[in-house]
C-alpha cells in the first residue's frame, strides 16, 4: 500500500479535507488530516473517523497509522 492511496481514501471520507500521508516503508504511515468534521470531537473520536475511511486495511495492509487530526481553526493556530 502506498501513502498516496491512503491519502486518497481518507480524502474521500471527508468533504474538503487537507490530507497528507507519509511512509518510509509502505507499512507504517503518518497522516495529517485537517477536516471540519472534527469540530467538537475528542481525539479518539477523530481517529475513529479516520479509521472508518480505511476499513479493513488498518491492521492488514496498514500495519500502523499515526494520526494528527485537526479542525481548520486548530490547524491555522499551529
PDB file of N, CA and C in Angstrom:
ATOM      1  N   UNK A   1       0.841  -1.168   0.000  1.00  0.00           N
ATOM      2  CA  UNK A   1       0.000   0.000   0.000  1.00  0.00           C
ATOM      3  C   UNK A   1       0.892   1.239   0.000  1.00  0.00           C
ATOM      4  N   UNK A   2       0.524   2.212  -0.788  1.00  0.00           N
ATOM      5  CA  UNK A   2       1.312   3.439  -0.899  1.00  0.00           C
ATOM      6  C   UNK A   2       0.617   4.600  -0.190  1.00  0.00           C
ATOM      7  N   UNK A   3       1.412   5.519   0.282  1.00  0.00           N
ATOM      8  CA  UNK A   3       0.901   6.661   1.035  1.00  0.00           C
ATOM      9  C   UNK A   3      -0.126   7.457   0.240  1.00  0.00           C
ATOM     10  N   UNK A   4       0.100   7.614  -1.059  1.00  0.00           N
ATOM     11  CA  UNK A   4      -0.851   8.399  -1.858  1.00  0.00           C
ATOM     12  C   UNK A   4      -2.212   7.718  -1.964  1.00  0.00           C
ATOM     13  N   UNK A   5      -2.257   6.398  -1.933  1.00  0.00           N
ATOM     14  CA  UNK A   5      -3.530   5.669  -1.971  1.00  0.00           C
ATOM     15  C   UNK A   5      -4.278   5.851  -0.646  1.00  0.00           C
ATOM     16  N   UNK A   6      -3.552   5.813   0.455  1.00  0.00           N
ATOM     17  CA  UNK A   6      -4.174   6.025   1.758  1.00  0.00           C
ATOM     18  C   UNK A   6      -4.711   7.451   1.845  1.00  0.00           C
ATOM     19  N   UNK A   7      -3.944   8.412   1.370  1.00  0.00           N
ATOM     20  CA  UNK A   7      -4.396   9.812   1.358  1.00  0.00           C
ATOM     21  C   UNK A   7      -5.668   9.948   0.532  1.00  0.00           C
ATOM     22  N   UNK A   8      -5.742   9.269  -0.595  1.00  0.00           N
ATOM     23  CA  UNK A   8      -6.931   9.320  -1.444  1.00  0.00           C
ATOM     24  C   UNK A   8      -8.148   8.754  -0.710  1.00  0.00           C
ATOM     25  N   UNK A   9      -7.979   7.637  -0.023  1.00  0.00           N
ATOM     26  CA  UNK A   9      -9.084   7.016   0.712  1.00  0.00           C
ATOM     27  C   UNK A   9      -9.568   7.911   1.851  1.00  0.00           C
ATOM     28  N   UNK A  10      -8.634   8.478   2.588  1.00  0.00           N
ATOM     29  CA  UNK A  10      -9.020   9.371   3.685  1.00  0.00           C
ATOM     30  C   UNK A  10      -9.734  10.601   3.129  1.00  0.00           C
ATOM     31  N   UNK A  11      -9.193  11.189   2.078  1.00  0.00           N
ATOM     32  CA  UNK A  11      -9.799  12.379   1.468  1.00  0.00           C
ATOM     33  C   UNK A  11     -11.227  12.109   1.013  1.00  0.00           C
ATOM     34  N   UNK A  12     -11.463  10.921   0.500  1.00  0.00           N
ATOM     35  CA  UNK A  12     -12.802  10.568   0.021  1.00  0.00           C
ATOM     36  C   UNK A  12     -13.825  10.543   1.154  1.00  0.00           C
ATOM     37  N   UNK A  13     -13.359  10.346   2.383  1.00  0.00           N
ATOM     38  CA  UNK A  13     -14.264  10.266   3.521  1.00  0.00           C
ATOM     39  C   UNK A  13     -14.572  11.592   4.190  1.00  0.00           C
ATOM     40  N   UNK A  14     -13.894  12.650   3.766  1.00  0.00           N
ATOM     41  CA  UNK A  14     -14.082  13.965   4.385  1.00  0.00           C
ATOM     42  C   UNK A  14     -14.262  15.012   3.296  1.00  0.00           C
ATOM     43  N   UNK A  15     -15.250  15.858   3.472  1.00  0.00           N
ATOM     44  CA  UNK A  15     -15.525  16.903   2.491  1.00  0.00           C
ATOM     45  C   UNK A  15     -14.534  18.047   2.629  1.00  0.00           C
ATOM     46  N   UNK A  16     -13.732  18.281   1.612  1.00  0.00           N
ATOM     47  CA  UNK A  16     -12.817  19.413   1.588  1.00  0.00           C
ATOM     48  C   UNK A  16     -11.661  19.328   2.552  1.00  0.00           C
ATOM     49  N   UNK A  17     -11.298  18.143   2.989  1.00  0.00           N
ATOM     50  CA  UNK A  17     -10.210  17.975   3.955  1.00  0.00           C
ATOM     51  C   UNK A  17      -8.843  18.172   3.309  1.00  0.00           C
ATOM     52  N   UNK A  18      -7.899  18.573   4.134  1.00  0.00           N
ATOM     53  CA  UNK A  18      -6.494  18.564   3.751  1.00  0.00           C
ATOM     54  C   UNK A  18      -5.908  17.283   4.321  1.00  0.00           C
ATOM     55  N   UNK A  19      -5.301  16.468   3.465  1.00  0.00           N
ATOM     56  CA  UNK A  19      -4.766  15.182   3.907  1.00  0.00           C
ATOM     57  C   UNK A  19      -3.362  15.014   3.362  1.00  0.00           C
ATOM     58  N   UNK A  20      -2.438  14.689   4.249  1.00  0.00           N
ATOM     59  CA  UNK A  20      -1.062  14.356   3.858  1.00  0.00           C
ATOM     60  C   UNK A  20      -0.691  13.053   4.550  1.00  0.00           C
ATOM     61  N   UNK A  21      -0.187  12.108   3.791  1.00  0.00           N
ATOM     62  CA  UNK A  21       0.222  10.823   4.350  1.00  0.00           C
ATOM     63  C   UNK A  21       1.649  10.544   3.899  1.00  0.00           C
ATOM     64  N   UNK A  22       2.480  10.129   4.850  1.00  0.00           N
ATOM     65  CA  UNK A  22       3.865   9.783   4.540  1.00  0.00           C
ATOM     66  C   UNK A  22       4.193   8.401   5.104  1.00  0.00           C
ATOM     67  N   UNK A  23       5.232   7.797   4.527  1.00  0.00           N
ATOM     68  CA  UNK A  23       5.699   6.496   4.994  1.00  0.00           C
ATOM     69  C   UNK A  23       7.122   6.270   4.512  1.00  0.00           C
ATOM     70  N   UNK A  24       7.903   5.654   5.363  1.00  0.00           N
ATOM     71  CA  UNK A  24       9.261   5.274   4.960  1.00  0.00           C
ATOM     72  C   UNK A  24       9.316   3.859   4.409  1.00  0.00           C
ATOM     73  N   UNK A  25       8.305   3.039   4.740  1.00  0.00           N
ATOM     74  CA  UNK A  25       8.370   1.625   4.373  1.00  0.00           C
ATOM     75  C   UNK A  25       7.081   1.062   3.771  1.00  0.00           C
ATOM     76  N   UNK A  26       6.076   1.909   3.519  1.00  0.00           N
ATOM     77  CA  UNK A  26       4.784   1.483   2.973  1.00  0.00           C
ATOM     78  C   UNK A  26       4.071   0.447   3.831  1.00  0.00           C
ATOM     79  N   UNK A  27       4.365   0.468   5.128  1.00  0.00           N
ATOM     80  CA  UNK A  27       3.673  -0.363   6.110  1.00  0.00           C
ATOM     81  C   UNK A  27       3.276   0.467   7.320  1.00  0.00           C
ATOM     82  N   UNK A  28       4.176   1.354   7.724  1.00  0.00           N
ATOM     83  CA  UNK A  28       3.944   2.272   8.840  1.00  0.00           C
ATOM     84  C   UNK A  28       3.725   3.667   8.250  1.00  0.00           C
ATOM     85  N   UNK A  29       2.598   4.288   8.612  1.00  0.00           N
ATOM     86  CA  UNK A  29       2.216   5.550   7.984  1.00  0.00           C
ATOM     87  C   UNK A  29       1.956   6.640   9.019  1.00  0.00           C
ATOM     88  N   UNK A  30       2.152   7.874   8.591  1.00  0.00           N
ATOM     89  CA  UNK A  30       1.804   9.047   9.381  1.00  0.00           C
ATOM     90  C   UNK A  30       0.831   9.875   8.550  1.00  0.00           C
ATOM     91  N   UNK A  31      -0.286  10.263   9.175  1.00  0.00           N
ATOM     92  CA  UNK A  31      -1.298  11.033   8.461  1.00  0.00           C
ATOM     93  C   UNK A  31      -1.581  12.341   9.182  1.00  0.00           C
ATOM     94  N   UNK A  32      -1.662  13.386   8.408  1.00  0.00           N
ATOM     95  CA  UNK A  32      -2.145  14.682   8.866  1.00  0.00           C
ATOM     96  C   UNK A  32      -3.486  14.888   8.187  1.00  0.00           C
ATOM     97  N   UNK A  33      -4.530  15.096   8.995  1.00  0.00           N
ATOM     98  CA  UNK A  33      -5.865  15.292   8.443  1.00  0.00           C
ATOM     99  C   UNK A  33      -6.461  16.546   9.072  1.00  0.00           C
ATOM    100  N   UNK A  34      -6.817  17.493   8.234  1.00  0.00           N
ATOM    101  CA  UNK A  34      -7.457  18.730   8.681  1.00  0.00           C
ATOM    102  C   UNK A  34      -8.855  18.737   8.075  1.00  0.00           C
ATOM    103  N   UNK A  35      -9.871  18.618   8.959  1.00  0.00           N
ATOM    104  CA  UNK A  35     -11.243  18.494   8.453  1.00  0.00           C
ATOM    105  C   UNK A  35     -12.236  19.147   9.413  1.00  0.00           C
ATOM    106  N   UNK A  36     -13.223  19.783   8.853  1.00  0.00           N
ATOM    107  CA  UNK A  36     -14.249  20.429   9.675  1.00  0.00           C
ATOM    108  C   UNK A  36     -15.089  19.402  10.434  1.00  0.00           C
ATOM    109  N   UNK A  37     -15.121  18.172   9.966  1.00  0.00           N
ATOM    110  CA  UNK A  37     -15.870  17.107  10.654  1.00  0.00           C
ATOM    111  C   UNK A  37     -15.332  16.832  12.061  1.00  0.00           C
ATOM    112  N   UNK A  38     -14.135  17.276  12.356  1.00  0.00           N
ATOM    113  CA  UNK A  38     -13.548  17.048  13.676  1.00  0.00           C
ATOM    114  C   UNK A  38     -14.028  18.048  14.722  1.00  0.00           C
ATOM    115  N   UNK A  39     -14.717  19.077  14.293  1.00  0.00           N
ATOM    116  CA  UNK A  39     -15.162  20.118  15.214  1.00  0.00           C
ATOM    117  C   UNK A  39     -16.007  19.516  16.343  1.00  0.00           C
ATOM    118  N   UNK A  40     -15.630  19.824  17.589  1.00  0.00           N
ATOM    119  CA  UNK A  40     -16.362  19.338  18.749  1.00  0.00           C
ATOM    120  C   UNK A  40     -16.087  17.905  19.139  1.00  0.00           C
ATOM    121  N   UNK A  41     -15.158  17.245  18.448  1.00  0.00           N
ATOM    122  CA  UNK A  41     -14.855  15.844  18.732  1.00  0.00           C
ATOM    123  C   UNK A  41     -13.519  15.714  19.468  1.00  0.00           C
ATOM    124  N   UNK A  42     -13.464  14.772  20.386  1.00  0.00           N
ATOM    125  CA  UNK A  42     -12.231  14.479  21.113  1.00  0.00           C
ATOM    126  C   UNK A  42     -11.276  13.708  20.198  1.00  0.00           C
ATOM    127  N   UNK A  43      -9.987  13.647  20.570  1.00  0.00           N
ATOM    128  CA  UNK A  43      -9.007  12.965  19.719  1.00  0.00           C
ATOM    129  C   UNK A  43      -9.389  11.529  19.346  1.00  0.00           C
ATOM    130  N   UNK A  44      -9.895  10.748  20.293  1.00  0.00           N
ATOM    131  CA  UNK A  44     -10.253   9.363  19.985  1.00  0.00           C
ATOM    132  C   UNK A  44     -11.328   9.297  18.906  1.00  0.00           C
ATOM    133  N   UNK A  45     -12.340  10.141  19.013  1.00  0.00           N
ATOM    134  CA  UNK A  45     -13.418  10.153  18.013  1.00  0.00           C
ATOM    135  C   UNK A  45     -12.887  10.583  16.649  1.00  0.00           C
ATOM    136  N   UNK A  46     -11.948  11.514  16.638  1.00  0.00           N
ATOM    137  CA  UNK A  46     -11.342  11.949  15.378  1.00  0.00           C
ATOM    138  C   UNK A  46     -10.601  10.793  14.722  1.00  0.00           C
ATOM    139  N   UNK A  47      -9.825  10.078  15.517  1.00  0.00           N
ATOM    140  CA  UNK A  47      -9.071   8.939  14.972  1.00  0.00           C
ATOM    141  C   UNK A  47     -10.023   7.870  14.447  1.00  0.00           C
ATOM    142  N   UNK A  48     -11.105   7.628  15.162  1.00  0.00           N
ATOM    143  CA  UNK A  48     -12.085   6.638  14.706  1.00  0.00           C
ATOM    144  C   UNK A  48     -12.678   7.030  13.354  1.00  0.00           C
ATOM    145  N   UNK A  49     -12.936   8.314  13.152  1.00  0.00           N
ATOM    146  CA  UNK A  49     -13.452   8.772  11.856  1.00  0.00           C
ATOM    147  C   UNK A  49     -12.457   8.490  10.737  1.00  0.00           C
ATOM    148  N   UNK A  50     -11.178   8.717  11.015  1.00  0.00           N
ATOM    149  CA  UNK A  50     -10.147   8.444  10.000  1.00  0.00           C
ATOM    150  C   UNK A  50     -10.072   6.944   9.734  1.00  0.00           C
ATOM    151  N   UNK A  51     -10.063   6.125  10.794  1.00  0.00           N
ATOM    152  CA  UNK A  51     -10.010   4.668  10.623  1.00  0.00           C
ATOM    153  C   UNK A  51     -11.192   4.161   9.802  1.00  0.00           C
ATOM    154  N   UNK A  52     -12.372   4.767   9.974  1.00  0.00           N
ATOM    155  CA  UNK A  52     -13.554   4.348   9.212  1.00  0.00           C
ATOM    156  C   UNK A  52     -13.343   4.504   7.707  1.00  0.00           C
ATOM    157  N   UNK A  53     -12.568   5.504   7.306  1.00  0.00           N
ATOM    158  CA  UNK A  53     -12.338   5.708   5.869  1.00  0.00           C
ATOM    159  C   UNK A  53     -11.461   4.612   5.276  1.00  0.00           C
ATOM    160  N   UNK A  54     -10.710   3.914   6.139  1.00  0.00           N
ATOM    161  CA  UNK A  54      -9.758   2.905   5.668  1.00  0.00           C
ATOM    162  C   UNK A  54     -10.248   1.478   5.867  1.00  0.00           C
ATOM    163  N   UNK A  55     -11.270   1.296   6.690  1.00  0.00           N
ATOM    164  CA  UNK A  55     -11.871  -0.021   6.888  1.00  0.00           C
ATOM    165  C   UNK A  55     -10.880  -1.095   7.272  1.00  0.00           C
ATOM    166  N   UNK A  56     -10.982  -2.233   6.616  1.00  0.00           N
ATOM    167  CA  UNK A  56     -10.186  -3.419   6.940  1.00  0.00           C
ATOM    168  C   UNK A  56      -8.709  -3.291   6.589  1.00  0.00           C
ATOM    169  N   UNK A  57      -8.324  -2.224   5.908  1.00  0.00           N
ATOM    170  CA  UNK A  57      -6.908  -2.044   5.590  1.00  0.00           C
ATOM    171  C   UNK A  57      -6.068  -1.852   6.854  1.00  0.00           C
ATOM    172  N   UNK A  58      -6.682  -1.223   7.885  1.00  0.00           N
ATOM    173  CA  UNK A  58      -5.972  -0.997   9.145  1.00  0.00           C
ATOM    174  C   UNK A  58      -5.781  -2.337   9.838  1.00  0.00           C
ATOM    175  N   UNK A  59      -4.548  -2.639  10.161  1.00  0.00           N
ATOM    176  CA  UNK A  59      -4.221  -3.916  10.778  1.00  0.00           C
ATOM    177  C   UNK A  59      -3.835  -4.980   9.765  1.00  0.00           C
ATOM    178  N   UNK A  60      -4.051  -4.692   8.506  1.00  0.00           N
ATOM    179  CA  UNK A  60      -3.667  -5.622   7.442  1.00  0.00           C
ATOM    180  C   UNK A  60      -2.586  -4.966   6.581  1.00  0.00           C
ATOM    181  N   UNK A  61      -2.978  -4.337   5.471  1.00  0.00           N
ATOM    182  CA  UNK A  61      -2.007  -3.649   4.632  1.00  0.00           C
ATOM    183  C   UNK A  61      -1.365  -2.468   5.352  1.00  0.00           C
ATOM    184  N   UNK A  62      -2.140  -1.843   6.236  1.00  0.00           N
ATOM    185  CA  UNK A  62      -1.634  -0.732   7.037  1.00  0.00           C
ATOM    186  C   UNK A  62      -1.335  -1.277   8.425  1.00  0.00           C
ATOM    187  N   UNK A  63      -0.073  -1.541   8.685  1.00  0.00           N
ATOM    188  CA  UNK A  63       0.323  -2.131   9.971  1.00  0.00           C
ATOM    189  C   UNK A  63       0.187  -1.130  11.106  1.00  0.00           C
ATOM    190  N   UNK A  64       0.573   0.125  10.860  1.00  0.00           N
ATOM    191  CA  UNK A  64       0.486   1.172  11.884  1.00  0.00           C
ATOM    192  C   UNK A  64       0.180   2.510  11.215  1.00  0.00           C
ATOM    193  N   UNK A  65      -0.656   3.293  11.887  1.00  0.00           N
ATOM    194  CA  UNK A  65      -1.034   4.593  11.361  1.00  0.00           C
ATOM    195  C   UNK A  65      -1.032   5.603  12.501  1.00  0.00           C
ATOM    196  N   UNK A  66      -0.141   6.563  12.417  1.00  0.00           N
ATOM    197  CA  UNK A  66      -0.094   7.667  13.369  1.00  0.00           C
ATOM    198  C   UNK A  66      -0.904   8.808  12.773  1.00  0.00           C
ATOM    199  N   UNK A  67      -1.847   9.349  13.559  1.00  0.00           N
ATOM    200  CA  UNK A  67      -2.763  10.354  13.034  1.00  0.00           C
ATOM    201  C   UNK A  67      -2.640  11.657  13.820  1.00  0.00           C
ATOM    202  N   UNK A  68      -2.514  12.741  13.076  1.00  0.00           N
ATOM    203  CA  UNK A  68      -2.659  14.085  13.641  1.00  0.00           C
ATOM    204  C   UNK A  68      -3.911  14.651  12.998  1.00  0.00           C
ATOM    205  N   UNK A  69      -4.949  14.877  13.818  1.00  0.00           N
ATOM    206  CA  UNK A  69      -6.250  15.307  13.302  1.00  0.00           C
ATOM    207  C   UNK A  69      -6.622  16.659  13.899  1.00  0.00           C
ATOM    208  N   UNK A  70      -6.857  17.632  13.036  1.00  0.00           N
ATOM    209  CA  UNK A  70      -7.163  18.993  13.457  1.00  0.00           C
ATOM    210  C   UNK A  70      -8.387  19.523  12.728  1.00  0.00           C
ATOM    211  N   UNK A  71      -9.077  20.453  13.377  1.00  0.00           N
ATOM    212  CA  UNK A  71     -10.080  21.242  12.663  1.00  0.00           C
ATOM    213  C   UNK A  71      -9.312  22.305  11.881  1.00  0.00           C
ATOM    214  N   UNK A  72      -9.926  22.934  10.888  1.00  0.00           N
ATOM    215  CA  UNK A  72      -9.234  24.006  10.165  1.00  0.00           C
ATOM    216  C   UNK A  72      -8.767  25.135  11.088  1.00  0.00           C
ATOM    217  N   UNK A  73      -9.565  25.474  12.092  1.00  0.00           N
ATOM    218  CA  UNK A  73      -9.188  26.542  13.018  1.00  0.00           C
ATOM    219  C   UNK A  73      -7.978  26.150  13.848  1.00  0.00           C
ATOM    220  N   UNK A  74      -7.952  24.906  14.318  1.00  0.00           N
ATOM    221  CA  UNK A  74      -6.799  24.418  15.100  1.00  0.00           C
ATOM    222  C   UNK A  74      -5.538  24.411  14.241  1.00  0.00           C
ATOM    223  N   UNK A  75      -5.683  23.985  12.998  1.00  0.00           N
ATOM    224  CA  UNK A  75      -4.530  23.922  12.099  1.00  0.00           C
ATOM    225  C   UNK A  75      -3.969  25.308  11.813  1.00  0.00           C
ATOM    226  N   UNK A  76      -4.847  26.286  11.676  1.00  0.00           N
ATOM    227  CA  UNK A  76      -4.417  27.662  11.444  1.00  0.00           C
ATOM    228  C   UNK A  76      -3.559  28.179  12.600  1.00  0.00           C
ATOM    229  N   UNK A  77      -3.895  27.746  13.817  1.00  0.00           N
ATOM    230  CA  UNK A  77      -3.152  28.181  15.004  1.00  0.00           C
ATOM    231  C   UNK A  77      -1.807  27.485  15.146  1.00  0.00           C
ATOM    232  N   UNK A  78      -1.588  26.409  14.408  1.00  0.00           N
ATOM    233  CA  UNK A  78      -0.333  25.649  14.515  1.00  0.00           C
ATOM    234  C   UNK A  78       0.836  26.411  13.936  1.00  0.00           C
TER     235      UNK A  78
END
